[in-house]
Amino acid sequence: MARGQFYVEADLISHPTSFKESGFLWYGPSVIYGLGKSVEVGINVYIIKDASPTKSIELQPNVKWKCFDNEDNGVSSSIGAMVFLPLTHQTNTAGMFYAVVAKKVGKEFGPRFTTGAYGLVGRREGTKSKAGPLVGYEQPLGRRLTFMADWYGGRNLMGYVAGGFGLTLTKNGTLYASYNFGNEGRGNNWLGIYYGLTF
């Protein structure tokens, strides 16, 4: 985000089965604000419904810095961090930090490749590895539609492979949808739907 620019997103994340069969539903807003000098800060606020008798809430404050950007060569790099802060359920606080390098190939409709690595601090249920590689791919299919794919290696809360699409609906609004498969565990998958606005 440029200095003073806001991005607001409505998120819906669901494992599409009954709560009794390990289904879950996460929903809430995400907000990002541009501080300037290629730094942005944000927070995700998720309400969580699952087999537990009560709803849970988790905050995810985050920060990102684009430390290198060469538009002529289509190369950029960023580092960032996020904290997973449960407010109402018995899960330990954890954090993630990451570094990535991205390369844009060709002009307007060329693909973008991203690679990097991430690490986790703290411990949450199901965490078997504390770090892993990450890979991303974006392919514009026109002026409004983009195909996207991501892979986070590792056996933890971040480990998944995902594919989906982004559709620009208005000048400032974009709808995203993706399906995500966990790196391990039968049925460890979820659907994500997101709608974002830039101000």
Protein backbone atom coordinates (compact mmCIF):
# COMPACT_ATOMS: atom_id res chain seq x y z
CA MET A 1 0.00 0.00 0.00
CA ALA A 2 1.17 3.51 -0.81
CA ARG A 3 1.45 6.00 2.05
CA GLY A 4 -2.01 6.76 3.48
CA GLN A 5 -3.72 4.06 1.40
CA PHE A 6 -6.18 1.60 2.97
CA TYR A 7 -7.11 -1.90 1.89
CA VAL A 8 -10.15 -3.51 3.53
CA GLU A 9 -11.14 -7.12 2.93
CA ALA A 10 -14.01 -9.39 4.03
CA ASP A 11 -12.82 -12.99 4.51
CA LEU A 12 -14.71 -16.28 4.66
CA ILE A 13 -12.73 -19.49 5.24
CA SER A 14 -14.49 -22.83 5.60
CA HIS A 15 -13.80 -26.56 5.76
CA PRO A 16 -16.99 -27.64 3.97
CA THR A 17 -18.27 -30.38 6.27
CA SER A 18 -20.19 -30.58 9.54
CA PHE A 19 -18.59 -29.32 12.74
CA LYS A 20 -18.87 -32.83 14.21
CA GLU A 21 -16.65 -34.09 11.37
CA SER A 22 -13.90 -31.46 11.93
CA GLY A 23 -15.59 -28.74 9.91
CA PHE A 24 -14.87 -25.12 10.73
CA LEU A 25 -15.76 -21.59 9.69
CA TRP A 26 -13.54 -18.51 10.01
CA TYR A 27 -14.88 -15.09 9.03
CA GLY A 28 -14.03 -11.44 9.63
CA PRO A 29 -12.27 -8.38 8.24
CA SER A 30 -8.69 -7.76 7.21
CA VAL A 31 -7.29 -4.22 7.08
CA ILE A 32 -3.96 -3.01 5.64
CA TYR A 33 -2.59 0.56 5.85
CA GLY A 34 0.36 2.04 3.97
CA LEU A 35 2.83 3.81 6.25
CA GLY A 36 5.10 4.97 3.44
CA LYS A 37 8.71 4.02 2.60
CA SER A 38 7.41 0.66 1.28
CA VAL A 39 6.05 -0.39 4.70
CA GLU A 40 2.50 -1.52 5.40
CA VAL A 41 0.81 -2.73 8.58
CA GLY A 42 -2.39 -4.67 8.99
CA ILE A 43 -4.61 -6.79 11.17
CA ASN A 44 -6.94 -9.71 10.56
CA VAL A 45 -9.80 -10.29 13.00
CA TYR A 46 -11.36 -13.74 12.73
CA ILE A 47 -14.41 -15.21 14.44
CA ILE A 48 -14.08 -18.99 14.54
CA LYS A 49 -16.89 -21.54 14.68
CA ASP A 50 -16.24 -25.27 15.03
CA ALA A 51 -17.34 -28.16 17.23
CA SER A 52 -16.63 -26.10 20.37
CA PRO A 53 -19.77 -24.90 22.19
CA THR A 54 -18.74 -21.23 21.89
CA LYS A 55 -17.26 -19.01 19.19
CA SER A 56 -13.59 -18.07 19.32
CA ILE A 57 -11.77 -14.92 18.21
CA GLU A 58 -8.23 -14.59 16.90
CA LEU A 59 -6.27 -11.44 16.04
CA GLN A 60 -3.47 -11.52 13.46
CA PRO A 61 -1.46 -8.26 13.45
CA ASN A 62 1.12 -8.12 10.68
CA VAL A 63 3.75 -5.92 9.04
CA LYS A 64 5.46 -6.07 5.62
CA TRP A 65 8.39 -4.17 4.10
CA LYS A 66 9.24 -4.19 0.40
CA CYS A 67 13.00 -3.87 0.81
CA PHE A 68 13.86 -3.96 -2.91
CA ASP A 69 11.93 -3.02 -6.04
CA ASN A 70 13.36 -2.77 -9.56
CA GLU A 71 10.49 -2.12 -11.96
CA ASP A 72 12.74 -2.22 -15.04
CA ASN A 73 13.78 -5.81 -14.33
CA GLY A 74 10.50 -6.85 -12.72
CA VAL A 75 12.27 -7.96 -9.52
CA SER A 76 11.20 -7.18 -5.97
CA SER A 77 11.78 -8.60 -2.50
CA SER A 78 9.91 -8.30 0.78
CA ILE A 79 10.15 -9.37 4.39
CA GLY A 80 7.33 -9.56 6.88
CA ALA A 81 5.92 -10.96 10.11
CA MET A 82 2.55 -11.97 11.55
CA VAL A 83 1.38 -12.84 15.08
CA PHE A 84 -1.44 -15.35 15.70
CA LEU A 85 -3.06 -14.09 18.89
CA PRO A 86 -6.03 -16.12 20.22
CA LEU A 87 -8.33 -14.12 22.49
CA THR A 88 -10.95 -16.62 23.58
CA HIS A 89 -9.65 -20.15 22.98
CA GLN A 90 -6.96 -22.27 24.58
CA THR A 91 -4.30 -22.09 21.86
CA ASN A 92 -0.78 -20.79 22.34
CA THR A 93 0.25 -17.51 20.71
CA ALA A 94 2.55 -18.04 17.73
CA GLY A 95 4.32 -15.90 15.15
CA MET A 96 5.48 -16.23 11.57
CA PHE A 97 8.24 -14.37 9.73
CA TYR A 98 9.08 -14.67 6.04
CA ALA A 99 11.23 -13.37 3.19
CA VAL A 100 10.39 -13.59 -0.51
CA VAL A 101 11.75 -12.61 -3.91
CA ALA A 102 9.41 -12.08 -6.88
CA LYS A 103 10.10 -11.88 -10.61
CA LYS A 104 7.65 -10.51 -13.18
CA VAL A 105 8.24 -12.00 -16.65
CA GLY A 106 7.24 -10.04 -19.73
CA LYS A 107 4.83 -7.16 -19.88
CA GLU A 108 1.24 -6.69 -18.73
CA PHE A 109 0.04 -10.29 -19.14
CA GLY A 110 3.27 -12.03 -18.20
CA PRO A 111 3.44 -14.35 -15.16
CA ARG A 112 4.92 -13.49 -11.78
CA PHE A 113 6.97 -16.08 -9.87
CA THR A 114 7.65 -15.82 -6.14
CA THR A 115 9.93 -17.89 -3.95
CA GLY A 116 11.19 -17.61 -0.39
CA ALA A 117 11.01 -19.16 3.05
CA TYR A 118 9.15 -18.74 6.33
CA GLY A 119 9.67 -19.67 9.95
CA LEU A 120 7.40 -20.07 12.96
CA VAL A 121 8.03 -19.11 16.58
CA GLY A 122 6.00 -20.38 19.50
CA ARG A 123 4.08 -23.60 19.26
CA ARG A 124 0.52 -24.43 18.29
CA GLU A 125 -1.31 -27.73 18.15
CA GLY A 126 -0.30 -29.74 15.08
CA THR A 127 3.04 -27.98 14.56
CA LYS A 128 5.61 -30.59 13.47
CA SER A 129 8.02 -28.33 11.58
CA LYS A 130 9.04 -24.76 12.36
CA ALA A 131 10.06 -23.61 8.87
CA GLY A 132 9.59 -24.30 5.20
CA PRO A 133 9.86 -23.02 1.65
CA LEU A 134 7.16 -21.02 -0.08
CA VAL A 135 6.42 -20.68 -3.79
CA GLY A 136 3.87 -18.54 -5.62
CA TYR A 137 2.66 -18.15 -9.20
CA GLU A 138 0.36 -15.51 -10.70
CA GLN A 139 -0.85 -15.57 -14.31
CA PRO A 140 -3.09 -12.81 -15.68
CA LEU A 141 -5.74 -14.27 -17.97
CA GLY A 142 -6.97 -10.88 -19.12
CA ARG A 143 -7.40 -7.40 -17.72
CA ARG A 144 -9.78 -8.55 -14.97
CA LEU A 145 -9.04 -12.23 -14.27
CA THR A 146 -5.87 -13.73 -12.71
CA PHE A 147 -4.99 -17.31 -11.85
CA MET A 148 -2.98 -17.75 -8.63
CA ALA A 149 -1.27 -20.71 -6.94
CA ASP A 150 0.71 -20.95 -3.69
CA TRP A 151 2.61 -23.64 -1.82
CA TYR A 152 3.88 -23.42 1.76
CA GLY A 153 6.06 -26.42 2.66
CA GLY A 154 6.08 -27.88 6.15
CA ARG A 155 3.88 -29.86 8.51
CA ASN A 156 2.20 -27.07 10.48
CA LEU A 157 -0.65 -24.56 10.38
CA MET A 158 0.89 -22.87 7.30
CA GLY A 159 1.58 -26.01 5.24
CA TYR A 160 -0.74 -26.16 2.23
CA VAL A 161 -1.02 -25.92 -1.54
CA ALA A 162 -3.69 -23.64 -2.99
CA GLY A 163 -5.08 -22.60 -6.33
CA GLY A 164 -7.65 -19.96 -7.19
CA PHE A 165 -8.65 -16.87 -9.12
CA GLY A 166 -8.84 -13.12 -8.60
CA LEU A 167 -11.54 -11.18 -10.45
CA THR A 168 -11.49 -7.37 -10.62
CA LEU A 169 -15.11 -6.27 -10.32
CA THR A 170 -14.69 -2.49 -10.02
CA LYS A 171 -11.88 0.03 -10.18
CA ASN A 172 -11.12 -0.53 -6.47
CA GLY A 173 -12.76 -3.90 -5.74
CA THR A 174 -11.54 -7.46 -6.32
CA LEU A 175 -13.09 -10.85 -5.51
CA TYR A 176 -10.79 -13.79 -4.73
CA ALA A 177 -11.61 -17.48 -4.35
CA SER A 178 -9.22 -20.36 -3.67
CA TYR A 179 -9.22 -23.97 -2.56
CA ASN A 180 -6.50 -25.13 -0.21
CA PHE A 181 -5.14 -28.62 0.49
CA GLY A 182 -3.12 -29.26 3.65
CA ASN A 183 0.26 -30.92 3.29
CA GLU A 184 -0.86 -33.78 5.54
CA GLY A 185 -3.97 -35.19 7.09
CA ARG A 186 -6.99 -36.67 5.36
CA GLY A 187 -9.60 -34.01 4.68
CA ASN A 188 -7.28 -31.18 5.70
CA ASN A 189 -8.63 -28.72 3.15
CA TRP A 190 -10.63 -25.51 3.06
CA LEU A 191 -12.30 -23.00 0.78
CA GLY A 192 -11.47 -19.30 0.98
CA ILE A 193 -13.55 -16.42 -0.43
CA TYR A 194 -12.33 -12.83 -0.06
CA TYR A 195 -13.57 -9.46 -1.28
CA GLY A 196 -11.22 -6.48 -1.01
CA LEU A 197 -11.52 -2.72 -1.54
CA THR A 198 -8.69 -0.20 -1.86
CA PHE A 199 -9.18 3.41 -0.72
